[in-house]
Amino acid sequence: SIIISFISPLEAPLDTFQEYFTIKSKILDPEDTFSSHFNSYLEKLKKTITNINISNIENMSNKNKYIHYSFSPPQSGLIINKEEYIFLKNPNNVFHIEFTSNDDDYKTFKPMINKILSSFRIT
């Protein structure tokens, strides 16, 4: 379920993409582990997103994972970058923090996202 989502305003009438930052939460099934959730999530991404390019996967700890990938929606000409930080709060609650931007604006927004994430705490 989505906890909060921030969407950038359109910069011009011809703007084709709005960057967004979203925090989601998921309650794991009792028999599901964080590792199995993460692995099945990766498989789901690979099966559902056409032209996906997973450029970085980090197993930061047994409670913290990171994925960076890009893709190009069919016939759009856009390259979309997505970063996901996945945190385990307790044995059955997972948070997904997602940042999505087009390729042109990714470097502009990345420092701000890093600043948000550096102050993010799960309590």
PDB file of N, CA and C in Angstrom:
ATOM      1  N   SER A   1       0.842  -1.179   0.000  1.00  0.00           N
ATOM      2  CA  SER A   1       0.000   0.000   0.000  1.00  0.00           C
ATOM      3  C   SER A   1       0.888   1.244   0.000  1.00  0.00           C
ATOM      4  N   ILE A   2       0.442   2.255  -0.664  1.00  0.00           N
ATOM      5  CA  ILE A   2       1.192   3.514  -0.749  1.00  0.00           C
ATOM      6  C   ILE A   2       0.950   4.326   0.518  1.00  0.00           C
ATOM      7  N   ILE A   3       2.038   4.742   1.144  1.00  0.00           N
ATOM      8  CA  ILE A   3       1.953   5.593   2.332  1.00  0.00           C
ATOM      9  C   ILE A   3       1.918   7.050   1.900  1.00  0.00           C
ATOM     10  N   ILE A   4       2.855   7.413   1.004  1.00  0.00           N
ATOM     11  CA  ILE A   4       2.911   8.786   0.501  1.00  0.00           C
ATOM     12  C   ILE A   4       3.599   8.799  -0.849  1.00  0.00           C
ATOM     13  N   SER A   5       3.192   9.738  -1.683  1.00  0.00           N
ATOM     14  CA  SER A   5       3.815   9.894  -2.993  1.00  0.00           C
ATOM     15  C   SER A   5       3.918  11.378  -3.318  1.00  0.00           C
ATOM     16  N   PHE A   6       5.111  11.787  -3.719  1.00  0.00           N
ATOM     17  CA  PHE A   6       5.351  13.170  -4.139  1.00  0.00           C
ATOM     18  C   PHE A   6       5.600  13.151  -5.638  1.00  0.00           C
ATOM     19  N   ILE A   7       4.893  14.016  -6.366  1.00  0.00           N
ATOM     20  CA  ILE A   7       5.028  14.081  -7.823  1.00  0.00           C
ATOM     21  C   ILE A   7       5.437  15.494  -8.196  1.00  0.00           C
ATOM     22  N   SER A   8       6.462  15.607  -9.049  1.00  0.00           N
ATOM     23  CA  SER A   8       6.920  16.934  -9.454  1.00  0.00           C
ATOM     24  C   SER A   8       5.878  17.600 -10.346  1.00  0.00           C
ATOM     25  N   PRO A   9       5.798  18.912 -10.282  1.00  0.00           N
ATOM     26  CA  PRO A   9       4.877  19.619 -11.183  1.00  0.00           C
ATOM     27  C   PRO A   9       5.416  19.591 -12.614  1.00  0.00           C
ATOM     28  N   LEU A  10       4.527  19.775 -13.556  1.00  0.00           N
ATOM     29  CA  LEU A  10       4.950  19.894 -14.949  1.00  0.00           C
ATOM     30  C   LEU A  10       5.788  21.159 -15.091  1.00  0.00           C
ATOM     31  N   GLU A  11       6.889  21.053 -15.808  1.00  0.00           N
ATOM     32  CA  GLU A  11       7.769  22.201 -15.981  1.00  0.00           C
ATOM     33  C   GLU A  11       7.337  23.084 -17.144  1.00  0.00           C
ATOM     34  N   ALA A  12       6.624  22.497 -18.098  1.00  0.00           N
ATOM     35  CA  ALA A  12       6.151  23.223 -19.279  1.00  0.00           C
ATOM     36  C   ALA A  12       4.977  22.439 -19.862  1.00  0.00           C
ATOM     37  N   PRO A  13       4.172  23.077 -20.684  1.00  0.00           N
ATOM     38  CA  PRO A  13       3.031  22.363 -21.275  1.00  0.00           C
ATOM     39  C   PRO A  13       3.435  21.107 -22.065  1.00  0.00           C
ATOM     40  N   LEU A  14       4.647  21.080 -22.590  1.00  0.00           N
ATOM     41  CA  LEU A  14       5.086  19.933 -23.376  1.00  0.00           C
ATOM     42  C   LEU A  14       5.904  18.929 -22.553  1.00  0.00           C
ATOM     43  N   ASP A  15       5.967  19.130 -21.232  1.00  0.00           N
ATOM     44  CA  ASP A  15       6.688  18.201 -20.362  1.00  0.00           C
ATOM     45  C   ASP A  15       6.064  16.810 -20.510  1.00  0.00           C
ATOM     46  N   THR A  16       6.908  15.808 -20.746  1.00  0.00           N
ATOM     47  CA  THR A  16       6.386  14.465 -21.019  1.00  0.00           C
ATOM     48  C   THR A  16       6.475  13.526 -19.831  1.00  0.00           C
ATOM     49  N   PHE A  17       7.134  13.960 -18.753  1.00  0.00           N
ATOM     50  CA  PHE A  17       7.310  13.057 -17.621  1.00  0.00           C
ATOM     51  C   PHE A  17       7.371  13.842 -16.320  1.00  0.00           C
ATOM     52  N   GLN A  18       6.736  13.303 -15.285  1.00  0.00           N
ATOM     53  CA  GLN A  18       6.798  13.910 -13.965  1.00  0.00           C
ATOM     54  C   GLN A  18       7.543  12.963 -13.021  1.00  0.00           C
ATOM     55  N   GLU A  19       8.616  13.454 -12.411  1.00  0.00           N
ATOM     56  CA  GLU A  19       9.384  12.658 -11.463  1.00  0.00           C
ATOM     57  C   GLU A  19       8.519  12.398 -10.234  1.00  0.00           C
ATOM     58  N   TYR A  20       8.784  11.284  -9.571  1.00  0.00           N
ATOM     59  CA  TYR A  20       8.045  11.020  -8.345  1.00  0.00           C
ATOM     60  C   TYR A  20       8.872  10.240  -7.331  1.00  0.00           C
ATOM     61  N   PHE A  21       8.496  10.429  -6.068  1.00  0.00           N
ATOM     62  CA  PHE A  21       9.123   9.791  -4.924  1.00  0.00           C
ATOM     63  C   PHE A  21       7.989   9.175  -4.118  1.00  0.00           C
ATOM     64  N   THR A  22       8.064   7.868  -3.868  1.00  0.00           N
ATOM     65  CA  THR A  22       6.969   7.161  -3.224  1.00  0.00           C
ATOM     66  C   THR A  22       7.499   6.260  -2.111  1.00  0.00           C
ATOM     67  N   ILE A  23       6.731   6.192  -1.032  1.00  0.00           N
ATOM     68  CA  ILE A  23       7.014   5.241   0.034  1.00  0.00           C
ATOM     69  C   ILE A  23       5.828   4.295   0.124  1.00  0.00           C
ATOM     70  N   LYS A  24       6.140   2.992   0.054  1.00  0.00           N
ATOM     71  CA  LYS A  24       5.116   1.951   0.137  1.00  0.00           C
ATOM     72  C   LYS A  24       5.438   1.025   1.299  1.00  0.00           C
ATOM     73  N   SER A  25       4.416   0.356   1.797  1.00  0.00           N
ATOM     74  CA  SER A  25       4.600  -0.622   2.857  1.00  0.00           C
ATOM     75  C   SER A  25       3.911  -1.915   2.451  1.00  0.00           C
ATOM     76  N   LYS A  26       4.489  -3.031   2.850  1.00  0.00           N
ATOM     77  CA  LYS A  26       3.898  -4.330   2.563  1.00  0.00           C
ATOM     78  C   LYS A  26       4.059  -5.218   3.791  1.00  0.00           C
ATOM     79  N   ILE A  27       2.979  -5.879   4.167  1.00  0.00           N
ATOM     80  CA  ILE A  27       3.024  -6.877   5.223  1.00  0.00           C
ATOM     81  C   ILE A  27       3.326  -8.208   4.560  1.00  0.00           C
ATOM     82  N   LEU A  28       4.399  -8.846   4.986  1.00  0.00           N
ATOM     83  CA  LEU A  28       4.787 -10.126   4.409  1.00  0.00           C
ATOM     84  C   LEU A  28       3.901 -11.242   4.943  1.00  0.00           C
ATOM     85  N   ASP A  29       3.685 -12.245   4.116  1.00  0.00           N
ATOM     86  CA  ASP A  29       3.006 -13.453   4.573  1.00  0.00           C
ATOM     87  C   ASP A  29       3.884 -14.101   5.636  1.00  0.00           C
ATOM     88  N   PRO A  30       3.296 -14.791   6.595  1.00  0.00           N
ATOM     89  CA  PRO A  30       4.099 -15.388   7.682  1.00  0.00           C
ATOM     90  C   PRO A  30       5.218 -16.317   7.198  1.00  0.00           C
ATOM     91  N   GLU A  31       5.006 -17.011   6.106  1.00  0.00           N
ATOM     92  CA  GLU A  31       6.029 -17.934   5.610  1.00  0.00           C
ATOM     93  C   GLU A  31       7.044 -17.260   4.687  1.00  0.00           C
ATOM     94  N   ASP A  32       6.842 -15.992   4.388  1.00  0.00           N
ATOM     95  CA  ASP A  32       7.731 -15.266   3.481  1.00  0.00           C
ATOM     96  C   ASP A  32       8.854 -14.602   4.276  1.00  0.00           C
ATOM     97  N   THR A  33      10.078 -14.703   3.782  1.00  0.00           N
ATOM     98  CA  THR A  33      11.212 -14.015   4.410  1.00  0.00           C
ATOM     99  C   THR A  33      11.528 -12.753   3.605  1.00  0.00           C
ATOM    100  N   PHE A  34      12.349 -11.907   4.182  1.00  0.00           N
ATOM    101  CA  PHE A  34      12.764 -10.695   3.479  1.00  0.00           C
ATOM    102  C   PHE A  34      13.522 -11.047   2.199  1.00  0.00           C
ATOM    103  N   SER A  35      14.406 -12.027   2.283  1.00  0.00           N
ATOM    104  CA  SER A  35      15.173 -12.452   1.096  1.00  0.00           C
ATOM    105  C   SER A  35      14.257 -13.010   0.010  1.00  0.00           C
ATOM    106  N   SER A  36      13.300 -13.827   0.380  1.00  0.00           N
ATOM    107  CA  SER A  36      12.404 -14.378  -0.641  1.00  0.00           C
ATOM    108  C   SER A  36      11.511 -13.289  -1.232  1.00  0.00           C
ATOM    109  N   HIS A  37      11.100 -12.332  -0.399  1.00  0.00           N
ATOM    110  CA  HIS A  37      10.326 -11.188  -0.913  1.00  0.00           C
ATOM    111  C   HIS A  37      11.148 -10.410  -1.941  1.00  0.00           C
ATOM    112  N   PHE A  38      12.390 -10.127  -1.595  1.00  0.00           N
ATOM    113  CA  PHE A  38      13.259  -9.372  -2.483  1.00  0.00           C
ATOM    114  C   PHE A  38      13.490 -10.123  -3.797  1.00  0.00           C
ATOM    115  N   ASN A  39      13.786 -11.406  -3.715  1.00  0.00           N
ATOM    116  CA  ASN A  39      14.028 -12.205  -4.925  1.00  0.00           C
ATOM    117  C   ASN A  39      12.787 -12.313  -5.798  1.00  0.00           C
ATOM    118  N   SER A  40      11.630 -12.523  -5.194  1.00  0.00           N
ATOM    119  CA  SER A  40      10.404 -12.599  -6.006  1.00  0.00           C
ATOM    120  C   SER A  40      10.068 -11.233  -6.599  1.00  0.00           C
ATOM    121  N   TYR A  41      10.388 -10.146  -5.881  1.00  0.00           N
ATOM    122  CA  TYR A  41      10.162  -8.801  -6.411  1.00  0.00           C
ATOM    123  C   TYR A  41      11.041  -8.553  -7.642  1.00  0.00           C
ATOM    124  N   LEU A  42      12.305  -8.973  -7.567  1.00  0.00           N
ATOM    125  CA  LEU A  42      13.202  -8.840  -8.725  1.00  0.00           C
ATOM    126  C   LEU A  42      12.672  -9.618  -9.930  1.00  0.00           C
ATOM    127  N   GLU A  43      12.216 -10.826  -9.700  1.00  0.00           N
ATOM    128  CA  GLU A  43      11.661 -11.636 -10.795  1.00  0.00           C
ATOM    129  C   GLU A  43      10.417 -10.979 -11.391  1.00  0.00           C
ATOM    130  N   LYS A  44       9.589 -10.415 -10.541  1.00  0.00           N
ATOM    131  CA  LYS A  44       8.390  -9.710 -11.022  1.00  0.00           C
ATOM    132  C   LYS A  44       8.773  -8.520 -11.901  1.00  0.00           C
ATOM    133  N   LEU A  45       9.780  -7.744 -11.476  1.00  0.00           N
ATOM    134  CA  LEU A  45      10.253  -6.620 -12.293  1.00  0.00           C
ATOM    135  C   LEU A  45      10.691  -7.095 -13.673  1.00  0.00           C
ATOM    136  N   LYS A  46      11.494  -8.159 -13.693  1.00  0.00           N
ATOM    137  CA  LYS A  46      12.023  -8.679 -14.957  1.00  0.00           C
ATOM    138  C   LYS A  46      10.912  -9.172 -15.882  1.00  0.00           C
ATOM    139  N   LYS A  47       9.851  -9.713 -15.316  1.00  0.00           N
ATOM    140  CA  LYS A  47       8.751 -10.257 -16.125  1.00  0.00           C
ATOM    141  C   LYS A  47       7.768  -9.184 -16.592  1.00  0.00           C
ATOM    142  N   THR A  48       7.626  -8.110 -15.822  1.00  0.00           N
ATOM    143  CA  THR A  48       6.576  -7.142 -16.124  1.00  0.00           C
ATOM    144  C   THR A  48       7.041  -5.877 -16.832  1.00  0.00           C
ATOM    145  N   ILE A  49       8.331  -5.578 -16.795  1.00  0.00           N
ATOM    146  CA  ILE A  49       8.812  -4.349 -17.427  1.00  0.00           C
ATOM    147  C   ILE A  49       9.591  -4.705 -18.689  1.00  0.00           C
ATOM    148  N   THR A  50       9.082  -4.260 -19.815  1.00  0.00           N
ATOM    149  CA  THR A  50       9.750  -4.482 -21.089  1.00  0.00           C
ATOM    150  C   THR A  50      11.012  -3.627 -21.157  1.00  0.00           C
ATOM    151  N   ASN A  51      12.051  -4.140 -21.737  1.00  0.00           N
ATOM    152  CA  ASN A  51      13.312  -3.411 -21.922  1.00  0.00           C
ATOM    153  C   ASN A  51      13.972  -2.986 -20.613  1.00  0.00           C
ATOM    154  N   ILE A  52      13.791  -3.752 -19.558  1.00  0.00           N
ATOM    155  CA  ILE A  52      14.399  -3.382 -18.272  1.00  0.00           C
ATOM    156  C   ILE A  52      15.906  -3.632 -18.320  1.00  0.00           C
ATOM    157  N   ASN A  53      16.647  -2.700 -17.728  1.00  0.00           N
ATOM    158  CA  ASN A  53      18.093  -2.837 -17.584  1.00  0.00           C
ATOM    159  C   ASN A  53      18.419  -2.626 -16.112  1.00  0.00           C
ATOM    160  N   ILE A  54      18.655  -3.722 -15.381  1.00  0.00           N
ATOM    161  CA  ILE A  54      18.997  -3.626 -13.958  1.00  0.00           C
ATOM    162  C   ILE A  54      20.497  -3.389 -13.885  1.00  0.00           C
ATOM    163  N   SER A  55      20.868  -2.184 -13.484  1.00  0.00           N
ATOM    164  CA  SER A  55      22.286  -1.806 -13.496  1.00  0.00           C
ATOM    165  C   SER A  55      22.979  -1.988 -12.160  1.00  0.00           C
ATOM    166  N   ASN A  56      22.211  -2.087 -11.068  1.00  0.00           N
ATOM    167  CA  ASN A  56      22.841  -2.242  -9.766  1.00  0.00           C
ATOM    168  C   ASN A  56      21.872  -2.896  -8.792  1.00  0.00           C
ATOM    169  N   ILE A  57      22.357  -3.926  -8.119  1.00  0.00           N
ATOM    170  CA  ILE A  57      21.628  -4.553  -7.021  1.00  0.00           C
ATOM    171  C   ILE A  57      22.607  -4.624  -5.862  1.00  0.00           C
ATOM    172  N   GLU A  58      22.191  -4.088  -4.728  1.00  0.00           N
ATOM    173  CA  GLU A  58      23.065  -4.126  -3.556  1.00  0.00           C
ATOM    174  C   GLU A  58      22.339  -4.809  -2.409  1.00  0.00           C
ATOM    175  N   ASN A  59      22.996  -5.798  -1.871  1.00  0.00           N
ATOM    176  CA  ASN A  59      22.513  -6.486  -0.699  1.00  0.00           C
ATOM    177  C   ASN A  59      23.216  -5.835   0.483  1.00  0.00           C
ATOM    178  N   MET A  60      22.715  -4.695   0.906  1.00  0.00           N
ATOM    179  CA  MET A  60      23.404  -3.858   1.881  1.00  0.00           C
ATOM    180  C   MET A  60      23.463  -4.501   3.266  1.00  0.00           C
ATOM    181  N   SER A  61      22.436  -5.256   3.623  1.00  0.00           N
ATOM    182  CA  SER A  61      22.398  -5.979   4.889  1.00  0.00           C
ATOM    183  C   SER A  61      21.202  -6.916   4.836  1.00  0.00           C
ATOM    184  N   ASN A  62      20.983  -7.644   5.927  1.00  0.00           N
ATOM    185  CA  ASN A  62      19.819  -8.532   5.945  1.00  0.00           C
ATOM    186  C   ASN A  62      18.523  -7.769   6.169  1.00  0.00           C
ATOM    187  N   LYS A  63      18.612  -6.430   6.287  1.00  0.00           N
ATOM    188  CA  LYS A  63      17.418  -5.597   6.449  1.00  0.00           C
ATOM    189  C   LYS A  63      17.367  -4.432   5.465  1.00  0.00           C
ATOM    190  N   ASN A  64      18.255  -4.438   4.491  1.00  0.00           N
ATOM    191  CA  ASN A  64      18.345  -3.284   3.603  1.00  0.00           C
ATOM    192  C   ASN A  64      18.858  -3.724   2.230  1.00  0.00           C
ATOM    193  N   LYS A  65      18.071  -3.467   1.187  1.00  0.00           N
ATOM    194  CA  LYS A  65      18.444  -3.819  -0.183  1.00  0.00           C
ATOM    195  C   LYS A  65      18.278  -2.582  -1.068  1.00  0.00           C
ATOM    196  N   TYR A  66      18.932  -2.622  -2.224  1.00  0.00           N
ATOM    197  CA  TYR A  66      18.878  -1.493  -3.159  1.00  0.00           C
ATOM    198  C   TYR A  66      18.865  -2.028  -4.591  1.00  0.00           C
ATOM    199  N   ILE A  67      18.044  -1.416  -5.429  1.00  0.00           N
ATOM    200  CA  ILE A  67      17.986  -1.768  -6.853  1.00  0.00           C
ATOM    201  C   ILE A  67      17.991  -0.470  -7.650  1.00  0.00           C
ATOM    202  N   HIS A  68      18.789  -0.417  -8.702  1.00  0.00           N
ATOM    203  CA  HIS A  68      18.722   0.680  -9.664  1.00  0.00           C
ATOM    204  C   HIS A  68      18.491   0.067 -11.032  1.00  0.00           C
ATOM    205  N   TYR A  69      17.463   0.541 -11.717  1.00  0.00           N
ATOM    206  CA  TYR A  69      17.192   0.019 -13.051  1.00  0.00           C
ATOM    207  C   TYR A  69      16.620   1.117 -13.936  1.00  0.00           C
ATOM    208  N   SER A  70      16.657   0.864 -15.203  1.00  0.00           N
ATOM    209  CA  SER A  70      16.083   1.797 -16.176  1.00  0.00           C
ATOM    210  C   SER A  70      15.302   0.991 -17.198  1.00  0.00           C
ATOM    211  N   PHE A  71      14.419   1.692 -17.877  1.00  0.00           N
ATOM    212  CA  PHE A  71      13.626   1.066 -18.928  1.00  0.00           C
ATOM    213  C   PHE A  71      13.092   2.141 -19.845  1.00  0.00           C
ATOM    214  N   SER A  72      12.673   1.715 -20.999  1.00  0.00           N
ATOM    215  CA  SER A  72      12.099   2.631 -21.971  1.00  0.00           C
ATOM    216  C   SER A  72      10.706   2.138 -22.334  1.00  0.00           C
ATOM    217  N   PRO A  73       9.671   2.907 -21.956  1.00  0.00           N
ATOM    218  CA  PRO A  73       8.324   2.493 -22.331  1.00  0.00           C
ATOM    219  C   PRO A  73       8.197   2.394 -23.851  1.00  0.00           C
ATOM    220  N   PRO A  74       7.424   1.431 -24.331  1.00  0.00           N
ATOM    221  CA  PRO A  74       7.291   1.266 -25.785  1.00  0.00           C
ATOM    222  C   PRO A  74       6.887   2.568 -26.483  1.00  0.00           C
ATOM    223  N   GLN A  75       7.578   2.873 -27.533  1.00  0.00           N
ATOM    224  CA  GLN A  75       7.284   3.991 -28.435  1.00  0.00           C
ATOM    225  C   GLN A  75       7.290   5.357 -27.758  1.00  0.00           C
ATOM    226  N   SER A  76       7.981   5.501 -26.632  1.00  0.00           N
ATOM    227  CA  SER A  76       7.951   6.795 -25.947  1.00  0.00           C
ATOM    228  C   SER A  76       9.192   7.632 -26.220  1.00  0.00           C
ATOM    229  N   GLY A  77      10.317   6.976 -26.475  1.00  0.00           N
ATOM    230  CA  GLY A  77      11.566   7.699 -26.634  1.00  0.00           C
ATOM    231  C   GLY A  77      12.190   8.115 -25.318  1.00  0.00           C
ATOM    232  N   LEU A  78      11.495   7.884 -24.202  1.00  0.00           N
ATOM    233  CA  LEU A  78      12.013   8.225 -22.878  1.00  0.00           C
ATOM    234  C   LEU A  78      12.845   7.085 -22.319  1.00  0.00           C
ATOM    235  N   ILE A  79      13.829   7.422 -21.524  1.00  0.00           N
ATOM    236  CA  ILE A  79      14.512   6.435 -20.694  1.00  0.00           C
ATOM    237  C   ILE A  79      14.183   6.814 -19.261  1.00  0.00           C
ATOM    238  N   ILE A  80      13.594   5.891 -18.529  1.00  0.00           N
ATOM    239  CA  ILE A  80      13.169   6.154 -17.165  1.00  0.00           C
ATOM    240  C   ILE A  80      14.109   5.428 -16.210  1.00  0.00           C
ATOM    241  N   ASN A  81      14.614   6.162 -15.234  1.00  0.00           N
ATOM    242  CA  ASN A  81      15.478   5.611 -14.188  1.00  0.00           C
ATOM    243  C   ASN A  81      14.663   5.407 -12.932  1.00  0.00           C
ATOM    244  N   LYS A  82      14.905   4.300 -12.269  1.00  0.00           N
ATOM    245  CA  LYS A  82      14.201   4.043 -11.018  1.00  0.00           C
ATOM    246  C   LYS A  82      15.182   3.483 -10.003  1.00  0.00           C
ATOM    247  N   GLU A  83      15.119   4.027  -8.801  1.00  0.00           N
ATOM    248  CA  GLU A  83      15.892   3.530  -7.676  1.00  0.00           C
ATOM    249  C   GLU A  83      14.912   3.073  -6.619  1.00  0.00           C
ATOM    250  N   GLU A  84      15.204   1.923  -6.024  1.00  0.00           N
ATOM    251  CA  GLU A  84      14.360   1.431  -4.943  1.00  0.00           C
ATOM    252  C   GLU A  84      15.233   1.015  -3.777  1.00  0.00           C
ATOM    253  N   TYR A  85      14.886   1.514  -2.629  1.00  0.00           N
ATOM    254  CA  TYR A  85      15.509   1.114  -1.378  1.00  0.00           C
ATOM    255  C   TYR A  85      14.458   0.293  -0.643  1.00  0.00           C
ATOM    256  N   ILE A  86      14.821  -0.891  -0.232  1.00  0.00           N
ATOM    257  CA  ILE A  86      13.866  -1.793   0.401  1.00  0.00           C
ATOM    258  C   ILE A  86      14.383  -2.092   1.807  1.00  0.00           C
ATOM    259  N   PHE A  87      13.536  -1.794   2.800  1.00  0.00           N
ATOM    260  CA  PHE A  87      13.921  -1.937   4.196  1.00  0.00           C
ATOM    261  C   PHE A  87      12.986  -2.906   4.906  1.00  0.00           C
ATOM    262  N   LEU A  88      13.541  -3.706   5.779  1.00  0.00           N
ATOM    263  CA  LEU A  88      12.746  -4.581   6.638  1.00  0.00           C
ATOM    264  C   LEU A  88      12.614  -3.899   7.990  1.00  0.00           C
ATOM    265  N   LYS A  89      11.378  -3.594   8.380  1.00  0.00           N
ATOM    266  CA  LYS A  89      11.162  -2.929   9.671  1.00  0.00           C
ATOM    267  C   LYS A  89      11.145  -3.951  10.800  1.00  0.00           C
ATOM    268  N   ASN A  90      10.393  -4.998  10.626  1.00  0.00           N
ATOM    269  CA  ASN A  90      10.331  -6.091  11.589  1.00  0.00           C
ATOM    270  C   ASN A  90      10.103  -7.359  10.768  1.00  0.00           C
ATOM    271  N   PRO A  91      10.013  -8.507  11.364  1.00  0.00           N
ATOM    272  CA  PRO A  91       9.943  -9.731  10.544  1.00  0.00           C
ATOM    273  C   PRO A  91       8.817  -9.784   9.513  1.00  0.00           C
ATOM    274  N   ASN A  92       7.823  -8.925   9.634  1.00  0.00           N
ATOM    275  CA  ASN A  92       6.728  -9.028   8.663  1.00  0.00           C
ATOM    276  C   ASN A  92       6.333  -7.722   7.974  1.00  0.00           C
ATOM    277  N   ASN A  93       7.125  -6.670   8.102  1.00  0.00           N
ATOM    278  CA  ASN A  93       6.774  -5.392   7.473  1.00  0.00           C
ATOM    279  C   ASN A  93       7.956  -4.867   6.655  1.00  0.00           C
ATOM    280  N   VAL A  94       7.700  -4.622   5.370  1.00  0.00           N
ATOM    281  CA  VAL A  94       8.728  -4.160   4.442  1.00  0.00           C
ATOM    282  C   VAL A  94       8.324  -2.800   3.888  1.00  0.00           C
ATOM    283  N   PHE A  95       9.299  -1.902   3.772  1.00  0.00           N
ATOM    284  CA  PHE A  95       9.082  -0.611   3.135  1.00  0.00           C
ATOM    285  C   PHE A  95       9.845  -0.555   1.823  1.00  0.00           C
ATOM    286  N   HIS A  96       9.203  -0.036   0.784  1.00  0.00           N
ATOM    287  CA  HIS A  96       9.843   0.234  -0.505  1.00  0.00           C
ATOM    288  C   HIS A  96       9.853   1.751  -0.673  1.00  0.00           C
ATOM    289  N   ILE A  97      11.029   2.314  -0.834  1.00  0.00           N
ATOM    290  CA  ILE A  97      11.160   3.743  -1.107  1.00  0.00           C
ATOM    291  C   ILE A  97      11.645   3.860  -2.540  1.00  0.00           C
ATOM    292  N   GLU A  98      10.853   4.513  -3.378  1.00  0.00           N
ATOM    293  CA  GLU A  98      11.115   4.540  -4.815  1.00  0.00           C
ATOM    294  C   GLU A  98      11.291   5.969  -5.307  1.00  0.00           C
ATOM    295  N   PHE A  99      12.279   6.135  -6.168  1.00  0.00           N
ATOM    296  CA  PHE A  99      12.472   7.412  -6.853  1.00  0.00           C
ATOM    297  C   PHE A  99      12.519   7.124  -8.342  1.00  0.00           C
ATOM    298  N   THR A 100      11.709   7.846  -9.101  1.00  0.00           N
ATOM    299  CA  THR A 100      11.623   7.631 -10.539  1.00  0.00           C
ATOM    300  C   THR A 100      11.763   8.964 -11.261  1.00  0.00           C
ATOM    301  N   SER A 101      12.630   8.974 -12.277  1.00  0.00           N
ATOM    302  CA  SER A 101      12.793  10.184 -13.087  1.00  0.00           C
ATOM    303  C   SER A 101      13.179   9.796 -14.503  1.00  0.00           C
ATOM    304  N   ASN A 102      13.025  10.757 -15.401  1.00  0.00           N
ATOM    305  CA  ASN A 102      13.503  10.478 -16.759  1.00  0.00           C
ATOM    306  C   ASN A 102      15.020  10.645 -16.780  1.00  0.00           C
ATOM    307  N   ASP A 103      15.623  10.167 -17.832  1.00  0.00           N
ATOM    308  CA  ASP A 103      17.080  10.149 -17.916  1.00  0.00           C
ATOM    309  C   ASP A 103      17.677  11.560 -17.875  1.00  0.00           C
ATOM    310  N   ASP A 104      16.995  12.533 -18.470  1.00  0.00           N
ATOM    311  CA  ASP A 104      17.515  13.898 -18.531  1.00  0.00           C
ATOM    312  C   ASP A 104      17.606  14.557 -17.152  1.00  0.00           C
ATOM    313  N   ASP A 105      16.646  14.265 -16.268  1.00  0.00           N
ATOM    314  CA  ASP A 105      16.583  14.939 -14.975  1.00  0.00           C
ATOM    315  C   ASP A 105      17.144  14.124 -13.820  1.00  0.00           C
ATOM    316  N   TYR A 106      17.569  12.913 -14.078  1.00  0.00           N
ATOM    317  CA  TYR A 106      18.032  12.020 -13.010  1.00  0.00           C
ATOM    318  C   TYR A 106      19.159  12.650 -12.194  1.00  0.00           C
ATOM    319  N   LYS A 107      20.177  13.189 -12.860  1.00  0.00           N
ATOM    320  CA  LYS A 107      21.326  13.757 -12.144  1.00  0.00           C
ATOM    321  C   LYS A 107      20.944  15.013 -11.358  1.00  0.00           C
ATOM    322  N   THR A 108      19.928  15.723 -11.807  1.00  0.00           N
ATOM    323  CA  THR A 108      19.468  16.917 -11.105  1.00  0.00           C
ATOM    324  C   THR A 108      18.812  16.549  -9.779  1.00  0.00           C
ATOM    325  N   PHE A 109      17.970  15.505  -9.800  1.00  0.00           N
ATOM    326  CA  PHE A 109      17.218  15.135  -8.609  1.00  0.00           C
ATOM    327  C   PHE A 109      17.977  14.209  -7.659  1.00  0.00           C
ATOM    328  N   LYS A 110      18.974  13.500  -8.129  1.00  0.00           N
ATOM    329  CA  LYS A 110      19.670  12.501  -7.321  1.00  0.00           C
ATOM    330  C   LYS A 110      20.248  13.066  -6.021  1.00  0.00           C
ATOM    331  N   PRO A 111      20.908  14.227  -5.993  1.00  0.00           N
ATOM    332  CA  PRO A 111      21.414  14.749  -4.706  1.00  0.00           C
ATOM    333  C   PRO A 111      20.303  15.001  -3.684  1.00  0.00           C
ATOM    334  N   MET A 112      19.156  15.482  -4.131  1.00  0.00           N
ATOM    335  CA  MET A 112      18.042  15.722  -3.222  1.00  0.00           C
ATOM    336  C   MET A 112      17.523  14.395  -2.653  1.00  0.00           C
ATOM    337  N   ILE A 113      17.424  13.364  -3.488  1.00  0.00           N
ATOM    338  CA  ILE A 113      16.960  12.058  -3.030  1.00  0.00           C
ATOM    339  C   ILE A 113      17.945  11.478  -2.018  1.00  0.00           C
ATOM    340  N   ASN A 114      19.234  11.621  -2.280  1.00  0.00           N
ATOM    341  CA  ASN A 114      20.237  11.149  -1.327  1.00  0.00           C
ATOM    342  C   ASN A 114      20.089  11.841   0.027  1.00  0.00           C
ATOM    343  N   LYS A 115      19.778  13.121   0.004  1.00  0.00           N
ATOM    344  CA  LYS A 115      19.602  13.873   1.242  1.00  0.00           C
ATOM    345  C   LYS A 115      18.367  13.378   2.004  1.00  0.00           C
ATOM    346  N   ILE A 116      17.281  13.135   1.293  1.00  0.00           N
ATOM    347  CA  ILE A 116      16.063  12.599   1.924  1.00  0.00           C
ATOM    348  C   ILE A 116      16.358  11.246   2.552  1.00  0.00           C
ATOM    349  N   LEU A 117      17.011  10.385   1.786  1.00  0.00           N
ATOM    350  CA  LEU A 117      17.287   9.037   2.279  1.00  0.00           C
ATOM    351  C   LEU A 117      18.260   9.024   3.450  1.00  0.00           C
ATOM    352  N   SER A 118      19.195   9.955   3.473  1.00  0.00           N
ATOM    353  CA  SER A 118      20.153   9.991   4.577  1.00  0.00           C
ATOM    354  C   SER A 118      19.477  10.328   5.908  1.00  0.00           C
ATOM    355  N   SER A 119      18.337  11.001   5.843  1.00  0.00           N
ATOM    356  CA  SER A 119      17.637  11.356   7.074  1.00  0.00           C
ATOM    357  C   SER A 119      16.462  10.427   7.372  1.00  0.00           C
ATOM    358  N   PHE A 120      16.190   9.494   6.477  1.00  0.00           N
ATOM    359  CA  PHE A 120      15.063   8.579   6.647  1.00  0.00           C
ATOM    360  C   PHE A 120      15.374   7.548   7.733  1.00  0.00           C
ATOM    361  N   ARG A 121      14.451   7.373   8.678  1.00  0.00           N
ATOM    362  CA  ARG A 121      14.614   6.390   9.742  1.00  0.00           C
ATOM    363  C   ARG A 121      13.322   5.582   9.871  1.00  0.00           C
ATOM    364  N   ILE A 122      13.491   4.296  10.049  1.00  0.00           N
ATOM    365  CA  ILE A 122      12.334   3.433  10.330  1.00  0.00           C
ATOM    366  C   ILE A 122      12.357   3.139  11.809  1.00  0.00           C
ATOM    367  N   THR A 123      11.288   3.511  12.497  1.00  0.00           N
ATOM    368  CA  THR A 123      11.237   3.277  13.939  1.00  0.00           C
ATOM    369  C   THR A 123      10.135   2.316  14.298  1.00  0.00           C
TER     370      THR A 123
END
